[in-house]
Amino acid sequence: MPYQGDTTHPASTPAAVSTPALTAAGTVMVIPAVDLFLGTVTITTKAGTEHFRYSEPQLIAQALAQAVRPTRWCVATKTLTVAVAGAGKRAGVERNFALNHAQQR
């Protein structure tokens, strides 16, 4: 029996194509660097590089290892959002990590 499902391609918006790194609510897609020894997270964006602290950096590293979508960074709330695999959740389950600015030495 031949396949009778919808075979049309979804329409894309020009705004999403021209600025793929920008998402809703002022977030940007990033690849954070996690230092498990120092407990710091480094995030680099077009605005510059910032260093943050998190009490349990291994939780962020584990989430990044299981990520199913790009990691997002919200500058306003200083929240790192990682979507990890979840049973029955095709888009994954979002894990949010609120980061604190690292003390400068």
N, C-alpha and C. Protein backbone atom coordinates (compact mmCIF):
# COMPACT_ATOMS: atom_id res chain seq x y z
N MET A 1 0.84 -1.16 0.00
CA MET A 1 0.00 0.00 0.00
C MET A 1 0.90 1.24 0.00
N PRO A 2 0.68 2.21 -0.86
CA PRO A 2 1.51 3.40 -0.95
C PRO A 2 1.27 4.34 0.24
N TYR A 3 2.30 5.11 0.55
CA TYR A 3 2.22 6.08 1.64
C TYR A 3 1.30 7.20 1.23
N GLN A 4 0.33 7.55 2.11
CA GLN A 4 -0.64 8.58 1.77
C GLN A 4 -0.58 9.78 2.71
N GLY A 5 0.52 9.95 3.42
CA GLY A 5 0.65 11.07 4.36
C GLY A 5 0.98 12.37 3.64
N ASP A 6 1.00 13.42 4.36
CA ASP A 6 1.33 14.74 3.83
C ASP A 6 2.83 14.81 3.55
N THR A 7 3.19 15.09 2.33
CA THR A 7 4.60 15.14 1.94
C THR A 7 5.07 16.55 1.63
N THR A 8 4.27 17.57 1.98
CA THR A 8 4.69 18.95 1.71
C THR A 8 5.70 19.39 2.75
N HIS A 9 6.60 20.26 2.34
CA HIS A 9 7.62 20.80 3.25
C HIS A 9 7.02 21.94 4.07
N PRO A 10 7.38 22.05 5.33
CA PRO A 10 6.87 23.17 6.13
C PRO A 10 7.45 24.48 5.64
N ALA A 11 6.62 25.53 5.69
CA ALA A 11 7.08 26.85 5.26
C ALA A 11 8.00 27.44 6.30
N SER A 12 9.04 28.11 5.84
CA SER A 12 9.96 28.76 6.77
C SER A 12 9.79 30.27 6.65
N THR A 13 10.01 30.96 7.74
CA THR A 13 9.89 32.41 7.73
C THR A 13 11.24 33.02 7.43
N PRO A 14 11.28 34.12 6.69
CA PRO A 14 12.56 34.74 6.37
C PRO A 14 13.31 35.22 7.61
N ALA A 15 12.60 35.66 8.65
CA ALA A 15 13.27 36.15 9.87
C ALA A 15 14.04 35.03 10.55
N ALA A 16 13.47 33.84 10.58
CA ALA A 16 14.15 32.71 11.23
C ALA A 16 15.38 32.29 10.44
N VAL A 17 15.33 32.45 9.13
CA VAL A 17 16.46 32.06 8.30
C VAL A 17 17.59 33.08 8.41
N SER A 18 17.25 34.37 8.49
CA SER A 18 18.29 35.39 8.49
C SER A 18 18.99 35.51 9.83
N THR A 19 18.32 35.19 10.96
CA THR A 19 18.94 35.27 12.27
C THR A 19 18.68 33.99 13.05
N PRO A 20 19.36 32.90 12.72
CA PRO A 20 19.08 31.63 13.38
C PRO A 20 19.50 31.57 14.83
N ALA A 21 20.46 32.41 15.27
CA ALA A 21 20.92 32.34 16.64
C ALA A 21 19.97 33.03 17.61
N LEU A 22 19.10 33.91 17.13
CA LEU A 22 18.17 34.59 18.01
C LEU A 22 16.88 33.80 18.13
N THR A 23 16.40 33.64 19.35
CA THR A 23 15.14 32.96 19.60
C THR A 23 14.23 33.87 20.39
N ALA A 24 13.08 33.36 20.77
CA ALA A 24 12.11 34.15 21.51
C ALA A 24 12.63 34.55 22.88
N ALA A 25 12.07 35.59 23.43
CA ALA A 25 12.34 36.08 24.78
C ALA A 25 13.79 36.51 25.00
N GLY A 26 14.48 36.98 23.97
CA GLY A 26 15.82 37.52 24.14
C GLY A 26 16.88 36.49 24.47
N THR A 27 16.73 35.29 24.00
CA THR A 27 17.74 34.27 24.25
C THR A 27 18.58 34.05 23.01
N VAL A 28 19.80 33.57 23.22
CA VAL A 28 20.69 33.24 22.11
C VAL A 28 21.19 31.82 22.30
N MET A 29 21.49 31.17 21.21
CA MET A 29 22.04 29.82 21.27
C MET A 29 23.54 29.92 21.53
N VAL A 30 24.02 29.10 22.48
CA VAL A 30 25.43 29.15 22.88
C VAL A 30 25.96 27.73 23.09
N ILE A 31 27.28 27.64 23.13
CA ILE A 31 27.96 26.41 23.55
C ILE A 31 28.78 26.80 24.77
N PRO A 32 28.26 26.52 25.97
CA PRO A 32 28.99 26.94 27.17
C PRO A 32 30.19 26.05 27.46
N ALA A 33 31.19 26.63 28.09
CA ALA A 33 32.36 25.88 28.55
C ALA A 33 32.24 25.73 30.06
N VAL A 34 32.24 24.48 30.54
CA VAL A 34 32.08 24.21 31.97
C VAL A 34 33.40 23.71 32.54
N ASP A 35 33.89 24.39 33.57
CA ASP A 35 35.10 23.97 34.27
C ASP A 35 34.66 23.28 35.55
N LEU A 36 34.76 21.95 35.58
CA LEU A 36 34.30 21.18 36.73
C LEU A 36 35.17 21.41 37.96
N PHE A 37 36.44 21.71 37.78
CA PHE A 37 37.34 21.92 38.91
C PHE A 37 37.06 23.24 39.62
N LEU A 38 36.92 24.32 38.83
CA LEU A 38 36.69 25.64 39.41
C LEU A 38 35.20 25.93 39.67
N GLY A 39 34.32 25.16 39.03
CA GLY A 39 32.88 25.39 39.19
C GLY A 39 32.41 26.60 38.42
N THR A 40 33.06 26.88 37.30
CA THR A 40 32.69 28.05 36.50
C THR A 40 32.10 27.64 35.16
N VAL A 41 31.31 28.53 34.60
CA VAL A 41 30.72 28.36 33.27
C VAL A 41 31.08 29.60 32.48
N THR A 42 31.67 29.40 31.31
CA THR A 42 32.05 30.52 30.45
C THR A 42 31.12 30.54 29.25
N ILE A 43 30.54 31.71 28.99
CA ILE A 43 29.62 31.86 27.87
C ILE A 43 30.11 33.01 27.01
N THR A 44 30.28 32.74 25.73
CA THR A 44 30.73 33.75 24.78
C THR A 44 29.60 34.06 23.80
N THR A 45 29.25 35.33 23.69
CA THR A 45 28.24 35.79 22.74
C THR A 45 28.84 36.94 21.95
N LYS A 46 28.06 37.53 21.06
CA LYS A 46 28.55 38.68 20.30
C LYS A 46 28.87 39.85 21.23
N ALA A 47 28.18 39.91 22.38
CA ALA A 47 28.41 41.00 23.33
C ALA A 47 29.71 40.82 24.10
N GLY A 48 30.27 39.63 24.09
CA GLY A 48 31.53 39.38 24.79
C GLY A 48 31.50 38.07 25.56
N THR A 49 32.55 37.86 26.35
CA THR A 49 32.68 36.63 27.13
C THR A 49 32.41 36.96 28.60
N GLU A 50 31.59 36.10 29.22
CA GLU A 50 31.28 36.28 30.64
C GLU A 50 31.54 34.98 31.38
N HIS A 51 31.95 35.11 32.63
CA HIS A 51 32.24 33.95 33.48
C HIS A 51 31.23 33.92 34.62
N PHE A 52 30.69 32.74 34.89
CA PHE A 52 29.67 32.58 35.92
C PHE A 52 30.06 31.43 36.84
N ARG A 53 29.42 31.40 38.01
CA ARG A 53 29.60 30.30 38.96
C ARG A 53 28.31 29.51 39.06
N TYR A 54 28.48 28.21 39.31
CA TYR A 54 27.34 27.35 39.60
C TYR A 54 27.81 26.34 40.65
N SER A 55 27.00 26.12 41.68
CA SER A 55 27.44 25.30 42.80
C SER A 55 27.70 23.84 42.42
N GLU A 56 26.97 23.32 41.44
CA GLU A 56 27.16 21.93 41.02
C GLU A 56 27.36 21.87 39.49
N PRO A 57 28.57 22.23 39.03
CA PRO A 57 28.80 22.29 37.58
C PRO A 57 28.66 20.94 36.89
N GLN A 58 28.82 19.83 37.63
CA GLN A 58 28.68 18.51 37.01
C GLN A 58 27.25 18.29 36.51
N LEU A 59 26.25 18.94 37.11
CA LEU A 59 24.87 18.82 36.63
C LEU A 59 24.72 19.46 35.25
N ILE A 60 25.39 20.59 35.05
CA ILE A 60 25.35 21.24 33.74
C ILE A 60 26.07 20.38 32.72
N ALA A 61 27.23 19.83 33.09
CA ALA A 61 28.00 18.98 32.16
C ALA A 61 27.20 17.74 31.77
N GLN A 62 26.50 17.13 32.72
CA GLN A 62 25.68 15.96 32.42
C GLN A 62 24.53 16.32 31.49
N ALA A 63 23.90 17.46 31.74
CA ALA A 63 22.80 17.90 30.87
C ALA A 63 23.30 18.18 29.46
N LEU A 64 24.47 18.81 29.34
CA LEU A 64 25.03 19.09 28.01
C LEU A 64 25.35 17.80 27.27
N ALA A 65 25.77 16.77 27.99
CA ALA A 65 26.08 15.48 27.36
C ALA A 65 24.82 14.80 26.83
N GLN A 66 23.67 15.13 27.40
CA GLN A 66 22.40 14.51 26.99
C GLN A 66 21.52 15.45 26.17
N ALA A 67 22.06 16.59 25.76
CA ALA A 67 21.27 17.61 25.06
C ALA A 67 20.72 17.08 23.73
N VAL A 68 19.47 17.44 23.46
CA VAL A 68 18.83 17.04 22.20
C VAL A 68 18.55 18.24 21.31
N ARG A 69 18.79 19.44 21.83
CA ARG A 69 18.63 20.67 21.05
C ARG A 69 19.74 21.63 21.46
N PRO A 70 19.95 22.68 20.69
CA PRO A 70 20.98 23.65 21.06
C PRO A 70 20.68 24.29 22.42
N THR A 71 21.72 24.61 23.15
CA THR A 71 21.60 25.25 24.46
C THR A 71 21.31 26.73 24.27
N ARG A 72 20.41 27.27 25.12
CA ARG A 72 20.02 28.67 25.01
C ARG A 72 20.46 29.43 26.26
N TRP A 73 20.81 30.69 26.06
CA TRP A 73 21.25 31.57 27.13
C TRP A 73 20.36 32.81 27.13
N CYS A 74 19.75 33.10 28.27
CA CYS A 74 18.94 34.32 28.44
C CYS A 74 19.78 35.32 29.21
N VAL A 75 20.13 36.41 28.55
CA VAL A 75 21.00 37.41 29.15
C VAL A 75 20.29 38.12 30.31
N ALA A 76 19.01 38.42 30.15
CA ALA A 76 18.28 39.18 31.17
C ALA A 76 18.18 38.43 32.49
N THR A 77 17.89 37.13 32.44
CA THR A 77 17.72 36.36 33.68
C THR A 77 18.95 35.55 34.05
N LYS A 78 19.97 35.58 33.22
CA LYS A 78 21.21 34.81 33.41
C LYS A 78 20.90 33.33 33.63
N THR A 79 20.04 32.81 32.73
CA THR A 79 19.60 31.41 32.82
C THR A 79 20.07 30.64 31.60
N LEU A 80 20.70 29.50 31.84
CA LEU A 80 21.14 28.58 30.80
C LEU A 80 20.07 27.49 30.69
N THR A 81 19.54 27.27 29.50
CA THR A 81 18.49 26.28 29.29
C THR A 81 19.00 25.18 28.39
N VAL A 82 18.97 23.94 28.91
CA VAL A 82 19.44 22.77 28.17
C VAL A 82 18.27 21.81 28.03
N ALA A 83 17.92 21.43 26.80
CA ALA A 83 16.86 20.45 26.56
C ALA A 83 17.48 19.06 26.52
N VAL A 84 17.09 18.21 27.46
CA VAL A 84 17.63 16.84 27.53
C VAL A 84 16.54 15.86 27.11
N ALA A 85 16.97 14.65 26.75
CA ALA A 85 16.03 13.63 26.31
C ALA A 85 15.07 13.29 27.44
N GLY A 86 13.80 13.09 27.08
CA GLY A 86 12.79 12.71 28.05
C GLY A 86 11.83 11.71 27.44
N ALA A 87 11.42 10.72 28.20
CA ALA A 87 10.51 9.69 27.69
C ALA A 87 9.19 10.33 27.27
N GLY A 88 8.82 10.13 26.02
CA GLY A 88 7.57 10.67 25.50
C GLY A 88 7.61 12.13 25.15
N LYS A 89 8.75 12.77 25.25
CA LYS A 89 8.89 14.20 24.95
C LYS A 89 9.80 14.35 23.75
N ARG A 90 9.23 14.51 22.60
CA ARG A 90 10.01 14.59 21.37
C ARG A 90 10.98 15.77 21.37
N ALA A 91 10.54 16.91 21.91
CA ALA A 91 11.39 18.10 21.94
C ALA A 91 12.32 18.11 23.15
N GLY A 92 12.21 17.12 24.00
CA GLY A 92 13.06 17.05 25.18
C GLY A 92 12.45 17.77 26.37
N VAL A 93 13.08 17.63 27.50
CA VAL A 93 12.67 18.29 28.73
C VAL A 93 13.68 19.38 29.03
N GLU A 94 13.21 20.60 29.24
CA GLU A 94 14.13 21.71 29.48
C GLU A 94 14.60 21.72 30.93
N ARG A 95 15.90 21.86 31.10
CA ARG A 95 16.51 22.03 32.42
C ARG A 95 17.11 23.42 32.46
N ASN A 96 16.74 24.18 33.46
CA ASN A 96 17.20 25.56 33.60
C ASN A 96 18.23 25.67 34.71
N PHE A 97 19.29 26.42 34.44
CA PHE A 97 20.35 26.64 35.41
C PHE A 97 20.55 28.14 35.57
N ALA A 98 20.22 28.67 36.75
CA ALA A 98 20.41 30.09 37.05
C ALA A 98 21.86 30.28 37.51
N LEU A 99 22.60 31.09 36.77
CA LEU A 99 24.02 31.27 37.04
C LEU A 99 24.28 32.59 37.77
N ASN A 100 25.35 32.61 38.55
CA ASN A 100 25.78 33.82 39.28
C ASN A 100 27.10 34.29 38.68
N HIS A 101 27.29 35.62 38.63
CA HIS A 101 28.57 36.13 38.13
C HIS A 101 29.70 35.65 39.00
N ALA A 102 30.80 35.27 38.37
CA ALA A 102 31.98 34.80 39.09
C ALA A 102 32.70 36.00 39.69
N GLN A 103 33.28 35.79 40.86
CA GLN A 103 34.08 36.84 41.51
C GLN A 103 35.37 37.04 40.71
N GLN A 104 35.69 38.28 40.44
CA GLN A 104 36.94 38.55 39.73
C GLN A 104 38.08 38.57 40.73
N ARG A 105 39.21 37.99 40.34
CA ARG A 105 40.37 37.93 41.23
C ARG A 105 41.23 39.14 41.10
